[in-house]
């Protein structure tokens, strides 16, 4: 966890931490206006349906995910991405082992 803003990050930076839904995340870098977080999922891992006031963009770095945003569900694979506007209910299911790289604006103070 990075307790102070950092605008540069290296591949090995950050500490992997468990998420409440049983996956893992590491904060990559952040400022008060923007945060990048990497999430790891085992096959079958679920990112619970939830909502937050932050705008989120997500890039599928590895694997395949069933992604639901505001009731619409799509299957996305490595190289695909999606955006979650503020306040919309969303979640994911890992169809295979994979990683998502999420950005949030403003930063997720609850992750710090």
PDB file of N, CA and C in Angstrom:
ATOM      1  N   UNK A   1       0.848  -1.176   0.000  1.00  0.00           N
ATOM      2  CA  UNK A   1       0.000   0.000   0.000  1.00  0.00           C
ATOM      3  C   UNK A   1       0.889   1.233   0.000  1.00  0.00           C
ATOM      4  N   UNK A   2       0.558   2.193  -0.855  1.00  0.00           N
ATOM      5  CA  UNK A   2       1.296   3.443  -0.920  1.00  0.00           C
ATOM      6  C   UNK A   2       0.488   4.509  -0.209  1.00  0.00           C
ATOM      7  N   UNK A   3       1.021   5.022   0.884  1.00  0.00           N
ATOM      8  CA  UNK A   3       0.295   5.996   1.693  1.00  0.00           C
ATOM      9  C   UNK A   3       0.454   7.422   1.184  1.00  0.00           C
ATOM     10  N   UNK A   4       1.419   7.646   0.290  1.00  0.00           N
ATOM     11  CA  UNK A   4       1.614   8.977  -0.267  1.00  0.00           C
ATOM     12  C   UNK A   4       1.559   8.887  -1.781  1.00  0.00           C
ATOM     13  N   UNK A   5       1.134   9.956  -2.436  1.00  0.00           N
ATOM     14  CA  UNK A   5       1.053   9.922  -3.902  1.00  0.00           C
ATOM     15  C   UNK A   5       2.401   9.608  -4.535  1.00  0.00           C
ATOM     16  N   UNK A   6       2.365   8.894  -5.650  1.00  0.00           N
ATOM     17  CA  UNK A   6       3.570   8.562  -6.395  1.00  0.00           C
ATOM     18  C   UNK A   6       3.207   8.525  -7.871  1.00  0.00           C
ATOM     19  N   UNK A   7       3.967   9.235  -8.699  1.00  0.00           N
ATOM     20  CA  UNK A   7       3.624   9.309 -10.114  1.00  0.00           C
ATOM     21  C   UNK A   7       4.429   8.356 -10.983  1.00  0.00           C
ATOM     22  N   UNK A   8       5.414   7.674 -10.407  1.00  0.00           N
ATOM     23  CA  UNK A   8       6.177   6.670 -11.141  1.00  0.00           C
ATOM     24  C   UNK A   8       6.027   5.321 -10.459  1.00  0.00           C
ATOM     25  N   UNK A   9       6.029   4.268 -11.267  1.00  0.00           N
ATOM     26  CA  UNK A   9       5.948   2.919 -10.709  1.00  0.00           C
ATOM     27  C   UNK A   9       6.751   1.972 -11.584  1.00  0.00           C
ATOM     28  N   UNK A  10       7.319   0.968 -10.966  1.00  0.00           N
ATOM     29  CA  UNK A  10       8.053  -0.094 -11.650  1.00  0.00           C
ATOM     30  C   UNK A  10       7.250  -1.391 -11.521  1.00  0.00           C
ATOM     31  N   UNK A  11       7.532  -2.334 -12.395  1.00  0.00           N
ATOM     32  CA  UNK A  11       6.758  -3.581 -12.437  1.00  0.00           C
ATOM     33  C   UNK A  11       6.680  -4.284 -11.089  1.00  0.00           C
ATOM     34  N   UNK A  12       7.727  -4.256 -10.293  1.00  0.00           N
ATOM     35  CA  UNK A  12       7.720  -4.960  -9.013  1.00  0.00           C
ATOM     36  C   UNK A  12       7.259  -4.118  -7.840  1.00  0.00           C
ATOM     37  N   UNK A  13       6.898  -2.856  -8.088  1.00  0.00           N
ATOM     38  CA  UNK A  13       6.465  -1.981  -6.997  1.00  0.00           C
ATOM     39  C   UNK A  13       5.096  -2.384  -6.476  1.00  0.00           C
ATOM     40  N   UNK A  14       4.813  -1.968  -5.280  1.00  0.00           N
ATOM     41  CA  UNK A  14       3.491  -2.208  -4.696  1.00  0.00           C
ATOM     42  C   UNK A  14       3.423  -3.552  -4.012  1.00  0.00           C
ATOM     43  N   UNK A  15       2.522  -3.637  -3.072  1.00  0.00           N
ATOM     44  CA  UNK A  15       2.312  -4.856  -2.305  1.00  0.00           C
ATOM     45  C   UNK A  15       0.963  -5.448  -2.659  1.00  0.00           C
ATOM     46  N   UNK A  16       0.937  -6.725  -2.976  1.00  0.00           N
ATOM     47  CA  UNK A  16      -0.327  -7.403  -3.247  1.00  0.00           C
ATOM     48  C   UNK A  16      -1.057  -7.594  -1.921  1.00  0.00           C
ATOM     49  N   UNK A  17      -2.324  -7.202  -1.914  1.00  0.00           N
ATOM     50  CA  UNK A  17      -3.156  -7.325  -0.718  1.00  0.00           C
ATOM     51  C   UNK A  17      -4.442  -8.057  -1.072  1.00  0.00           C
ATOM     52  N   UNK A  18      -4.987  -8.840  -0.134  1.00  0.00           N
ATOM     53  CA  UNK A  18      -6.259  -9.516  -0.399  1.00  0.00           C
ATOM     54  C   UNK A  18      -7.399  -8.503  -0.467  1.00  0.00           C
ATOM     55  N   UNK A  19      -8.361  -8.781  -1.324  1.00  0.00           N
ATOM     56  CA  UNK A  19      -9.565  -7.957  -1.406  1.00  0.00           C
ATOM     57  C   UNK A  19     -10.682  -8.653  -0.624  1.00  0.00           C
ATOM     58  N   UNK A  20     -11.698  -7.906  -0.209  1.00  0.00           N
ATOM     59  CA  UNK A  20     -12.794  -8.534   0.552  1.00  0.00           C
ATOM     60  C   UNK A  20     -13.490  -9.675  -0.202  1.00  0.00           C
ATOM     61  N   UNK A  21     -13.446  -9.637  -1.555  1.00  0.00           N
ATOM     62  CA  UNK A  21     -14.121 -10.675  -2.337  1.00  0.00           C
ATOM     63  C   UNK A  21     -13.207 -11.854  -2.681  1.00  0.00           C
ATOM     64  N   UNK A  22     -12.002 -11.908  -2.069  1.00  0.00           N
ATOM     65  CA  UNK A  22     -11.146 -13.081  -2.218  1.00  0.00           C
ATOM     66  C   UNK A  22     -10.132 -13.024  -3.337  1.00  0.00           C
ATOM     67  N   UNK A  23      -9.930 -11.877  -3.940  1.00  0.00           N
ATOM     68  CA  UNK A  23      -8.938 -11.722  -4.995  1.00  0.00           C
ATOM     69  C   UNK A  23      -7.743 -10.950  -4.426  1.00  0.00           C
ATOM     70  N   UNK A  24      -6.913 -10.367  -5.272  1.00  0.00           N
ATOM     71  CA  UNK A  24      -5.777  -9.575  -4.799  1.00  0.00           C
ATOM     72  C   UNK A  24      -5.674  -8.288  -5.600  1.00  0.00           C
ATOM     73  N   UNK A  25      -5.138  -7.237  -4.948  1.00  0.00           N
ATOM     74  CA  UNK A  25      -4.906  -5.976  -5.640  1.00  0.00           C
ATOM     75  C   UNK A  25      -3.611  -5.359  -5.151  1.00  0.00           C
ATOM     76  N   UNK A  26      -3.032  -4.539  -6.028  1.00  0.00           N
ATOM     77  CA  UNK A  26      -1.891  -3.720  -5.630  1.00  0.00           C
ATOM     78  C   UNK A  26      -2.068  -2.341  -6.248  1.00  0.00           C
ATOM     79  N   UNK A  27      -1.793  -1.341  -5.451  1.00  0.00           N
ATOM     80  CA  UNK A  27      -1.844   0.023  -5.951  1.00  0.00           C
ATOM     81  C   UNK A  27      -0.581   0.239  -6.765  1.00  0.00           C
ATOM     82  N   UNK A  28      -0.745   0.656  -8.014  1.00  0.00           N
ATOM     83  CA  UNK A  28       0.392   0.861  -8.900  1.00  0.00           C
ATOM     84  C   UNK A  28       0.956   2.261  -8.697  1.00  0.00           C
ATOM     85  N   UNK A  29       0.132   3.281  -8.886  1.00  0.00           N
ATOM     86  CA  UNK A  29       0.523   4.662  -8.648  1.00  0.00           C
ATOM     87  C   UNK A  29      -0.740   5.502  -8.516  1.00  0.00           C
ATOM     88  N   UNK A  30      -0.565   6.713  -7.935  1.00  0.00           N
ATOM     89  CA  UNK A  30      -1.753   7.543  -7.745  1.00  0.00           C
ATOM     90  C   UNK A  30      -1.391   8.987  -7.427  1.00  0.00           C
ATOM     91  N   UNK A  31      -2.366   9.836  -7.691  1.00  0.00           N
ATOM     92  CA  UNK A  31      -2.388  11.221  -7.244  1.00  0.00           C
ATOM     93  C   UNK A  31      -3.786  11.421  -6.670  1.00  0.00           C
ATOM     94  N   UNK A  32      -4.075  12.559  -6.064  1.00  0.00           N
ATOM     95  CA  UNK A  32      -5.450  12.762  -5.576  1.00  0.00           C
ATOM     96  C   UNK A  32      -6.500  12.693  -6.696  1.00  0.00           C
ATOM     97  N   UNK A  33      -6.100  13.001  -7.923  1.00  0.00           N
ATOM     98  CA  UNK A  33      -7.059  13.029  -9.031  1.00  0.00           C
ATOM     99  C   UNK A  33      -7.229  11.698  -9.751  1.00  0.00           C
ATOM    100  N   UNK A  34      -6.231  10.802  -9.660  1.00  0.00           N
ATOM    101  CA  UNK A  34      -6.239   9.579 -10.466  1.00  0.00           C
ATOM    102  C   UNK A  34      -5.471   8.468  -9.761  1.00  0.00           C
ATOM    103  N   UNK A  35      -5.966   7.239  -9.877  1.00  0.00           N
ATOM    104  CA  UNK A  35      -5.298   6.091  -9.259  1.00  0.00           C
ATOM    105  C   UNK A  35      -5.318   4.916 -10.235  1.00  0.00           C
ATOM    106  N   UNK A  36      -4.187   4.176 -10.288  1.00  0.00           N
ATOM    107  CA  UNK A  36      -4.099   2.953 -11.075  1.00  0.00           C
ATOM    108  C   UNK A  36      -3.882   1.786 -10.120  1.00  0.00           C
ATOM    109  N   UNK A  37      -4.710   0.740 -10.277  1.00  0.00           N
ATOM    110  CA  UNK A  37      -4.671  -0.422  -9.399  1.00  0.00           C
ATOM    111  C   UNK A  37      -4.724  -1.677 -10.262  1.00  0.00           C
ATOM    112  N   UNK A  38      -3.878  -2.661  -9.943  1.00  0.00           N
ATOM    113  CA  UNK A  38      -3.885  -3.934 -10.648  1.00  0.00           C
ATOM    114  C   UNK A  38      -4.579  -4.974  -9.773  1.00  0.00           C
ATOM    115  N   UNK A  39      -5.454  -5.761 -10.368  1.00  0.00           N
ATOM    116  CA  UNK A  39      -6.183  -6.823  -9.664  1.00  0.00           C
ATOM    117  C   UNK A  39      -5.815  -8.168 -10.269  1.00  0.00           C
ATOM    118  N   UNK A  40      -5.642  -9.191  -9.413  1.00  0.00           N
ATOM    119  CA  UNK A  40      -5.380 -10.565  -9.863  1.00  0.00           C
ATOM    120  C   UNK A  40      -6.544 -11.453  -9.448  1.00  0.00           C
ATOM    121  N   UNK A  41      -6.926 -12.333 -10.355  1.00  0.00           N
ATOM    122  CA  UNK A  41      -8.021 -13.270 -10.116  1.00  0.00           C
ATOM    123  C   UNK A  41      -7.591 -14.672 -10.505  1.00  0.00           C
ATOM    124  N   UNK A  42      -7.962 -15.642  -9.711  1.00  0.00           N
ATOM    125  CA  UNK A  42      -7.844 -17.035 -10.108  1.00  0.00           C
ATOM    126  C   UNK A  42      -9.076 -17.353 -10.964  1.00  0.00           C
ATOM    127  N   UNK A  43      -9.034 -18.413 -11.748  1.00  0.00           N
ATOM    128  CA  UNK A  43     -10.196 -18.825 -12.533  1.00  0.00           C
ATOM    129  C   UNK A  43     -11.387 -18.998 -11.600  1.00  0.00           C
ATOM    130  N   UNK A  44     -12.506 -18.421 -11.957  1.00  0.00           N
ATOM    131  CA  UNK A  44     -13.719 -18.495 -11.146  1.00  0.00           C
ATOM    132  C   UNK A  44     -13.831 -17.394 -10.115  1.00  0.00           C
ATOM    133  N   UNK A  45     -12.770 -16.596  -9.932  1.00  0.00           N
ATOM    134  CA  UNK A  45     -12.814 -15.487  -8.975  1.00  0.00           C
ATOM    135  C   UNK A  45     -13.854 -14.460  -9.376  1.00  0.00           C
ATOM    136  N   UNK A  46     -14.504 -13.892  -8.381  1.00  0.00           N
ATOM    137  CA  UNK A  46     -15.576 -12.919  -8.635  1.00  0.00           C
ATOM    138  C   UNK A  46     -15.252 -11.596  -7.971  1.00  0.00           C
ATOM    139  N   UNK A  47     -15.393 -10.539  -8.722  1.00  0.00           N
ATOM    140  CA  UNK A  47     -15.371  -9.181  -8.168  1.00  0.00           C
ATOM    141  C   UNK A  47     -16.836  -8.829  -7.957  1.00  0.00           C
ATOM    142  N   UNK A  48     -17.267  -8.827  -6.699  1.00  0.00           N
ATOM    143  CA  UNK A  48     -18.676  -8.635  -6.361  1.00  0.00           C
ATOM    144  C   UNK A  48     -19.291  -7.435  -7.061  1.00  0.00           C
ATOM    145  N   UNK A  49     -20.596  -7.524  -7.339  1.00  0.00           N
ATOM    146  CA  UNK A  49     -21.326  -6.379  -7.855  1.00  0.00           C
ATOM    147  C   UNK A  49     -21.290  -5.273  -6.805  1.00  0.00           C
ATOM    148  N   UNK A  50     -20.934  -4.087  -7.223  1.00  0.00           N
ATOM    149  CA  UNK A  50     -20.826  -2.949  -6.317  1.00  0.00           C
ATOM    150  C   UNK A  50     -20.932  -1.661  -7.124  1.00  0.00           C
ATOM    151  N   UNK A  51     -20.936  -0.554  -6.431  1.00  0.00           N
ATOM    152  CA  UNK A  51     -20.952   0.756  -7.090  1.00  0.00           C
ATOM    153  C   UNK A  51     -20.174   1.733  -6.235  1.00  0.00           C
ATOM    154  N   UNK A  52     -19.677   2.779  -6.863  1.00  0.00           N
ATOM    155  CA  UNK A  52     -18.932   3.816  -6.161  1.00  0.00           C
ATOM    156  C   UNK A  52     -19.017   5.101  -6.973  1.00  0.00           C
ATOM    157  N   UNK A  53     -18.709   6.238  -6.357  1.00  0.00           N
ATOM    158  CA  UNK A  53     -18.833   7.517  -7.065  1.00  0.00           C
ATOM    159  C   UNK A  53     -17.700   7.771  -8.065  1.00  0.00           C
ATOM    160  N   UNK A  54     -16.657   6.970  -8.035  1.00  0.00           N
ATOM    161  CA  UNK A  54     -15.505   7.167  -8.920  1.00  0.00           C
ATOM    162  C   UNK A  54     -15.833   6.718 -10.338  1.00  0.00           C
ATOM    163  N   UNK A  55     -15.284   7.394 -11.335  1.00  0.00           N
ATOM    164  CA  UNK A  55     -15.308   6.894 -12.702  1.00  0.00           C
ATOM    165  C   UNK A  55     -14.162   5.902 -12.800  1.00  0.00           C
ATOM    166  N   UNK A  56     -14.419   4.762 -13.428  1.00  0.00           N
ATOM    167  CA  UNK A  56     -13.431   3.686 -13.515  1.00  0.00           C
ATOM    168  C   UNK A  56     -13.236   3.277 -14.962  1.00  0.00           C
ATOM    169  N   UNK A  57     -11.987   3.069 -15.353  1.00  0.00           N
ATOM    170  CA  UNK A  57     -11.707   2.412 -16.630  1.00  0.00           C
ATOM    171  C   UNK A  57     -10.888   1.171 -16.311  1.00  0.00           C
ATOM    172  N   UNK A  58     -11.127   0.101 -17.040  1.00  0.00           N
ATOM    173  CA  UNK A  58     -10.455  -1.172 -16.767  1.00  0.00           C
ATOM    174  C   UNK A  58      -9.922  -1.774 -18.052  1.00  0.00           C
ATOM    175  N   UNK A  59      -8.693  -2.269 -17.974  1.00  0.00           N
ATOM    176  CA  UNK A  59      -8.017  -2.907 -19.095  1.00  0.00           C
ATOM    177  C   UNK A  59      -7.754  -4.363 -18.714  1.00  0.00           C
ATOM    178  N   UNK A  60      -8.148  -5.279 -19.581  1.00  0.00           N
ATOM    179  CA  UNK A  60      -7.899  -6.696 -19.338  1.00  0.00           C
ATOM    180  C   UNK A  60      -6.465  -6.986 -19.779  1.00  0.00           C
ATOM    181  N   UNK A  61      -5.574  -7.127 -18.795  1.00  0.00           N
ATOM    182  CA  UNK A  61      -4.163  -7.356 -19.085  1.00  0.00           C
ATOM    183  C   UNK A  61      -3.873  -8.822 -19.389  1.00  0.00           C
ATOM    184  N   UNK A  62      -4.678  -9.706 -18.821  1.00  0.00           N
ATOM    185  CA  UNK A  62      -4.455 -11.146 -18.976  1.00  0.00           C
ATOM    186  C   UNK A  62      -5.744 -11.879 -18.661  1.00  0.00           C
ATOM    187  N   UNK A  63      -6.027 -12.957 -19.383  1.00  0.00           N
ATOM    188  CA  UNK A  63      -7.178 -13.789 -19.079  1.00  0.00           C
ATOM    189  C   UNK A  63      -8.441 -13.379 -19.798  1.00  0.00           C
ATOM    190  N   UNK A  64      -9.560 -13.874 -19.276  1.00  0.00           N
ATOM    191  CA  UNK A  64     -10.884 -13.580 -19.826  1.00  0.00           C
ATOM    192  C   UNK A  64     -11.842 -13.371 -18.669  1.00  0.00           C
ATOM    193  N   UNK A  65     -12.728 -12.388 -18.813  1.00  0.00           N
ATOM    194  CA  UNK A  65     -13.657 -12.010 -17.754  1.00  0.00           C
ATOM    195  C   UNK A  65     -15.058 -11.822 -18.300  1.00  0.00           C
ATOM    196  N   UNK A  66     -16.029 -12.205 -17.516  1.00  0.00           N
ATOM    197  CA  UNK A  66     -17.420 -11.849 -17.759  1.00  0.00           C
ATOM    198  C   UNK A  66     -17.627 -10.561 -16.962  1.00  0.00           C
ATOM    199  N   UNK A  67     -17.925  -9.486 -17.667  1.00  0.00           N
ATOM    200  CA  UNK A  67     -18.022  -8.159 -17.053  1.00  0.00           C
ATOM    201  C   UNK A  67     -19.465  -7.680 -17.142  1.00  0.00           C
ATOM    202  N   UNK A  68     -19.999  -7.242 -16.005  1.00  0.00           N
ATOM    203  CA  UNK A  68     -21.355  -6.696 -15.964  1.00  0.00           C
ATOM    204  C   UNK A  68     -21.280  -5.244 -15.516  1.00  0.00           C
ATOM    205  N   UNK A  69     -21.880  -4.355 -16.307  1.00  0.00           N
ATOM    206  CA  UNK A  69     -21.973  -2.934 -15.969  1.00  0.00           C
ATOM    207  C   UNK A  69     -23.416  -2.512 -16.198  1.00  0.00           C
ATOM    208  N   UNK A  70     -24.071  -2.085 -15.136  1.00  0.00           N
ATOM    209  CA  UNK A  70     -25.445  -1.583 -15.212  1.00  0.00           C
ATOM    210  C   UNK A  70     -26.380  -2.586 -15.885  1.00  0.00           C
ATOM    211  N   UNK A  71     -26.207  -3.884 -15.559  1.00  0.00           N
ATOM    212  CA  UNK A  71     -27.084  -4.929 -16.083  1.00  0.00           C
ATOM    213  C   UNK A  71     -26.684  -5.494 -17.432  1.00  0.00           C
ATOM    214  N   UNK A  72     -25.721  -4.905 -18.093  1.00  0.00           N
ATOM    215  CA  UNK A  72     -25.239  -5.401 -19.392  1.00  0.00           C
ATOM    216  C   UNK A  72     -23.998  -6.249 -19.156  1.00  0.00           C
ATOM    217  N   UNK A  73     -23.969  -7.469 -19.707  1.00  0.00           N
ATOM    218  CA  UNK A  73     -22.859  -8.383 -19.501  1.00  0.00           C
ATOM    219  C   UNK A  73     -22.180  -8.701 -20.827  1.00  0.00           C
ATOM    220  N   UNK A  74     -20.851  -8.618 -20.814  1.00  0.00           N
ATOM    221  CA  UNK A  74     -20.033  -8.923 -21.986  1.00  0.00           C
ATOM    222  C   UNK A  74     -18.861  -9.798 -21.546  1.00  0.00           C
ATOM    223  N   UNK A  75     -18.342 -10.617 -22.453  1.00  0.00           N
ATOM    224  CA  UNK A  75     -17.121 -11.369 -22.197  1.00  0.00           C
ATOM    225  C   UNK A  75     -15.965 -10.604 -22.831  1.00  0.00           C
ATOM    226  N   UNK A  76     -14.970 -10.276 -22.005  1.00  0.00           N
ATOM    227  CA  UNK A  76     -13.812  -9.527 -22.473  1.00  0.00           C
ATOM    228  C   UNK A  76     -12.551 -10.342 -22.251  1.00  0.00           C
ATOM    229  N   UNK A  77     -11.603 -10.196 -23.169  1.00  0.00           N
ATOM    230  CA  UNK A  77     -10.342 -10.939 -23.125  1.00  0.00           C
ATOM    231  C   UNK A  77      -9.160  -9.968 -23.133  1.00  0.00           C
ATOM    232  N   UNK A  78      -7.958 -10.513 -22.955  1.00  0.00           N
ATOM    233  CA  UNK A  78      -6.754  -9.690 -22.916  1.00  0.00           C
ATOM    234  C   UNK A  78      -6.748  -8.683 -24.066  1.00  0.00           C
ATOM    235  N   UNK A  79      -6.491  -7.424 -23.722  1.00  0.00           N
ATOM    236  CA  UNK A  79      -6.482  -6.344 -24.703  1.00  0.00           C
ATOM    237  C   UNK A  79      -7.779  -5.562 -24.775  1.00  0.00           C
ATOM    238  N   UNK A  80      -8.865  -6.113 -24.235  1.00  0.00           N
ATOM    239  CA  UNK A  80     -10.154  -5.420 -24.218  1.00  0.00           C
ATOM    240  C   UNK A  80     -10.228  -4.498 -23.003  1.00  0.00           C
ATOM    241  N   UNK A  81     -11.197  -3.605 -23.009  1.00  0.00           N
ATOM    242  CA  UNK A  81     -11.355  -2.694 -21.879  1.00  0.00           C
ATOM    243  C   UNK A  81     -12.814  -2.274 -21.728  1.00  0.00           C
ATOM    244  N   UNK A  82     -13.102  -1.631 -20.594  1.00  0.00           N
ATOM    245  CA  UNK A  82     -14.444  -1.103 -20.344  1.00  0.00           C
ATOM    246  C   UNK A  82     -14.357   0.096 -19.413  1.00  0.00           C
ATOM    247  N   UNK A  83     -15.404   0.899 -19.422  1.00  0.00           N
ATOM    248  CA  UNK A  83     -15.517   2.076 -18.560  1.00  0.00           C
ATOM    249  C   UNK A  83     -16.767   1.928 -17.713  1.00  0.00           C
ATOM    250  N   UNK A  84     -16.658   2.322 -16.447  1.00  0.00           N
ATOM    251  CA  UNK A  84     -17.794   2.329 -15.531  1.00  0.00           C
ATOM    252  C   UNK A  84     -18.051   3.776 -15.108  1.00  0.00           C
ATOM    253  N   UNK A  85     -19.114   4.389 -15.609  1.00  0.00           N
ATOM    254  CA  UNK A  85     -19.440   5.736 -15.165  1.00  0.00           C
ATOM    255  C   UNK A  85     -19.792   5.757 -13.671  1.00  0.00           C
ATOM    256  N   UNK A  86     -19.678   6.902 -13.080  1.00  0.00           N
ATOM    257  CA  UNK A  86     -19.943   7.093 -11.653  1.00  0.00           C
ATOM    258  C   UNK A  86     -21.300   6.532 -11.248  1.00  0.00           C
ATOM    259  N   UNK A  87     -21.299   5.745 -10.167  1.00  0.00           N
ATOM    260  CA  UNK A  87     -22.542   5.272  -9.571  1.00  0.00           C
ATOM    261  C   UNK A  87     -23.181   4.050 -10.197  1.00  0.00           C
ATOM    262  N   UNK A  88     -22.631   3.509 -11.283  1.00  0.00           N
ATOM    263  CA  UNK A  88     -23.249   2.331 -11.907  1.00  0.00           C
ATOM    264  C   UNK A  88     -22.788   1.045 -11.219  1.00  0.00           C
ATOM    265  N   UNK A  89     -23.725   0.121 -11.052  1.00  0.00           N
ATOM    266  CA  UNK A  89     -23.442  -1.175 -10.420  1.00  0.00           C
ATOM    267  C   UNK A  89     -22.662  -2.022 -11.426  1.00  0.00           C
ATOM    268  N   UNK A  90     -21.574  -2.641 -10.949  1.00  0.00           N
ATOM    269  CA  UNK A  90     -20.719  -3.415 -11.843  1.00  0.00           C
ATOM    270  C   UNK A  90     -19.972  -4.499 -11.073  1.00  0.00           C
ATOM    271  N   UNK A  91     -19.484  -5.493 -11.816  1.00  0.00           N
ATOM    272  CA  UNK A  91     -18.710  -6.571 -11.228  1.00  0.00           C
ATOM    273  C   UNK A  91     -18.138  -7.447 -12.329  1.00  0.00           C
ATOM    274  N   UNK A  92     -17.259  -8.371 -11.935  1.00  0.00           N
ATOM    275  CA  UNK A  92     -16.623  -9.252 -12.913  1.00  0.00           C
ATOM    276  C   UNK A  92     -16.564 -10.683 -12.388  1.00  0.00           C
ATOM    277  N   UNK A  93     -16.427 -11.617 -13.315  1.00  0.00           N
ATOM    278  CA  UNK A  93     -16.134 -13.015 -12.987  1.00  0.00           C
ATOM    279  C   UNK A  93     -14.996 -13.447 -13.900  1.00  0.00           C
ATOM    280  N   UNK A  94     -13.941 -14.009 -13.309  1.00  0.00           N
ATOM    281  CA  UNK A  94     -12.802 -14.485 -14.089  1.00  0.00           C
ATOM    282  C   UNK A  94     -13.150 -15.834 -14.712  1.00  0.00           C
ATOM    283  N   UNK A  95     -13.189 -15.880 -16.026  1.00  0.00           N
ATOM    284  CA  UNK A  95     -13.459 -17.134 -16.725  1.00  0.00           C
ATOM    285  C   UNK A  95     -12.207 -18.006 -16.764  1.00  0.00           C
ATOM    286  N   UNK A  96     -11.067 -17.367 -16.567  1.00  0.00           N
ATOM    287  CA  UNK A  96      -9.777 -18.037 -16.432  1.00  0.00           C
ATOM    288  C   UNK A  96      -8.898 -17.119 -15.593  1.00  0.00           C
ATOM    289  N   UNK A  97      -7.768 -17.625 -15.149  1.00  0.00           N
ATOM    290  CA  UNK A  97      -6.857 -16.805 -14.358  1.00  0.00           C
ATOM    291  C   UNK A  97      -6.535 -15.531 -15.137  1.00  0.00           C
ATOM    292  N   UNK A  98      -6.549 -14.381 -14.442  1.00  0.00           N
ATOM    293  CA  UNK A  98      -6.304 -13.153 -15.177  1.00  0.00           C
ATOM    294  C   UNK A  98      -6.015 -11.949 -14.306  1.00  0.00           C
ATOM    295  N   UNK A  99      -5.755 -10.833 -14.991  1.00  0.00           N
ATOM    296  CA  UNK A  99      -5.447  -9.569 -14.328  1.00  0.00           C
ATOM    297  C   UNK A  99      -6.191  -8.428 -15.010  1.00  0.00           C
ATOM    298  N   UNK A 100      -6.674  -7.512 -14.194  1.00  0.00           N
ATOM    299  CA  UNK A 100      -7.278  -6.269 -14.666  1.00  0.00           C
ATOM    300  C   UNK A 100      -6.430  -5.110 -14.160  1.00  0.00           C
ATOM    301  N   UNK A 101      -6.270  -4.089 -14.986  1.00  0.00           N
ATOM    302  CA  UNK A 101      -5.627  -2.853 -14.557  1.00  0.00           C
ATOM    303  C   UNK A 101      -6.714  -1.783 -14.594  1.00  0.00           C
ATOM    304  N   UNK A 102      -7.055  -1.283 -13.409  1.00  0.00           N
ATOM    305  CA  UNK A 102      -8.136  -0.309 -13.266  1.00  0.00           C
ATOM    306  C   UNK A 102      -7.569   1.074 -12.964  1.00  0.00           C
ATOM    307  N   UNK A 103      -8.210   2.088 -13.501  1.00  0.00           N
ATOM    308  CA  UNK A 103      -7.924   3.461 -13.110  1.00  0.00           C
ATOM    309  C   UNK A 103      -9.194   4.051 -12.531  1.00  0.00           C
ATOM    310  N   UNK A 104      -9.017   4.897 -11.531  1.00  0.00           N
ATOM    311  CA  UNK A 104     -10.153   5.534 -10.851  1.00  0.00           C
ATOM    312  C   UNK A 104      -9.898   7.034 -10.747  1.00  0.00           C
ATOM    313  N   UNK A 105     -10.950   7.804 -10.987  1.00  0.00           N
ATOM    314  CA  UNK A 105     -10.875   9.231 -10.765  1.00  0.00           C
ATOM    315  C   UNK A 105     -12.100   9.672  -9.982  1.00  0.00           C
ATOM    316  N   UNK A 106     -11.917  10.386  -8.867  1.00  0.00           N
ATOM    317  CA  UNK A 106     -10.633  10.627  -8.217  1.00  0.00           C
ATOM    318  C   UNK A 106     -10.100   9.325  -7.620  1.00  0.00           C
ATOM    319  N   UNK A 107      -8.968   9.411  -6.916  1.00  0.00           N
ATOM    320  CA  UNK A 107      -8.355   8.202  -6.344  1.00  0.00           C
ATOM    321  C   UNK A 107      -9.304   7.544  -5.328  1.00  0.00           C
ATOM    322  N   UNK A 108      -9.100   6.258  -5.091  1.00  0.00           N
ATOM    323  CA  UNK A 108      -9.892   5.498  -4.122  1.00  0.00           C
ATOM    324  C   UNK A 108      -9.232   5.596  -2.749  1.00  0.00           C
ATOM    325  N   UNK A 109      -9.629   6.569  -1.968  1.00  0.00           N
ATOM    326  CA  UNK A 109      -9.067   6.751  -0.624  1.00  0.00           C
ATOM    327  C   UNK A 109      -9.295   5.495   0.225  1.00  0.00           C
ATOM    328  N   UNK A 110     -10.391   4.757  -0.035  1.00  0.00           N
ATOM    329  CA  UNK A 110     -10.667   3.548   0.734  1.00  0.00           C
ATOM    330  C   UNK A 110      -9.640   2.443   0.464  1.00  0.00           C
ATOM    331  N   UNK A 111      -8.887   2.512  -0.610  1.00  0.00           N
ATOM    332  CA  UNK A 111      -7.836   1.530  -0.896  1.00  0.00           C
ATOM    333  C   UNK A 111      -6.545   1.849  -0.154  1.00  0.00           C
ATOM    334  N   UNK A 112      -6.412   3.090   0.294  1.00  0.00           N
ATOM    335  CA  UNK A 112      -5.210   3.486   1.003  1.00  0.00           C
ATOM    336  C   UNK A 112      -5.372   3.179   2.462  1.00  0.00           C
TER     337      UNK A 112
END
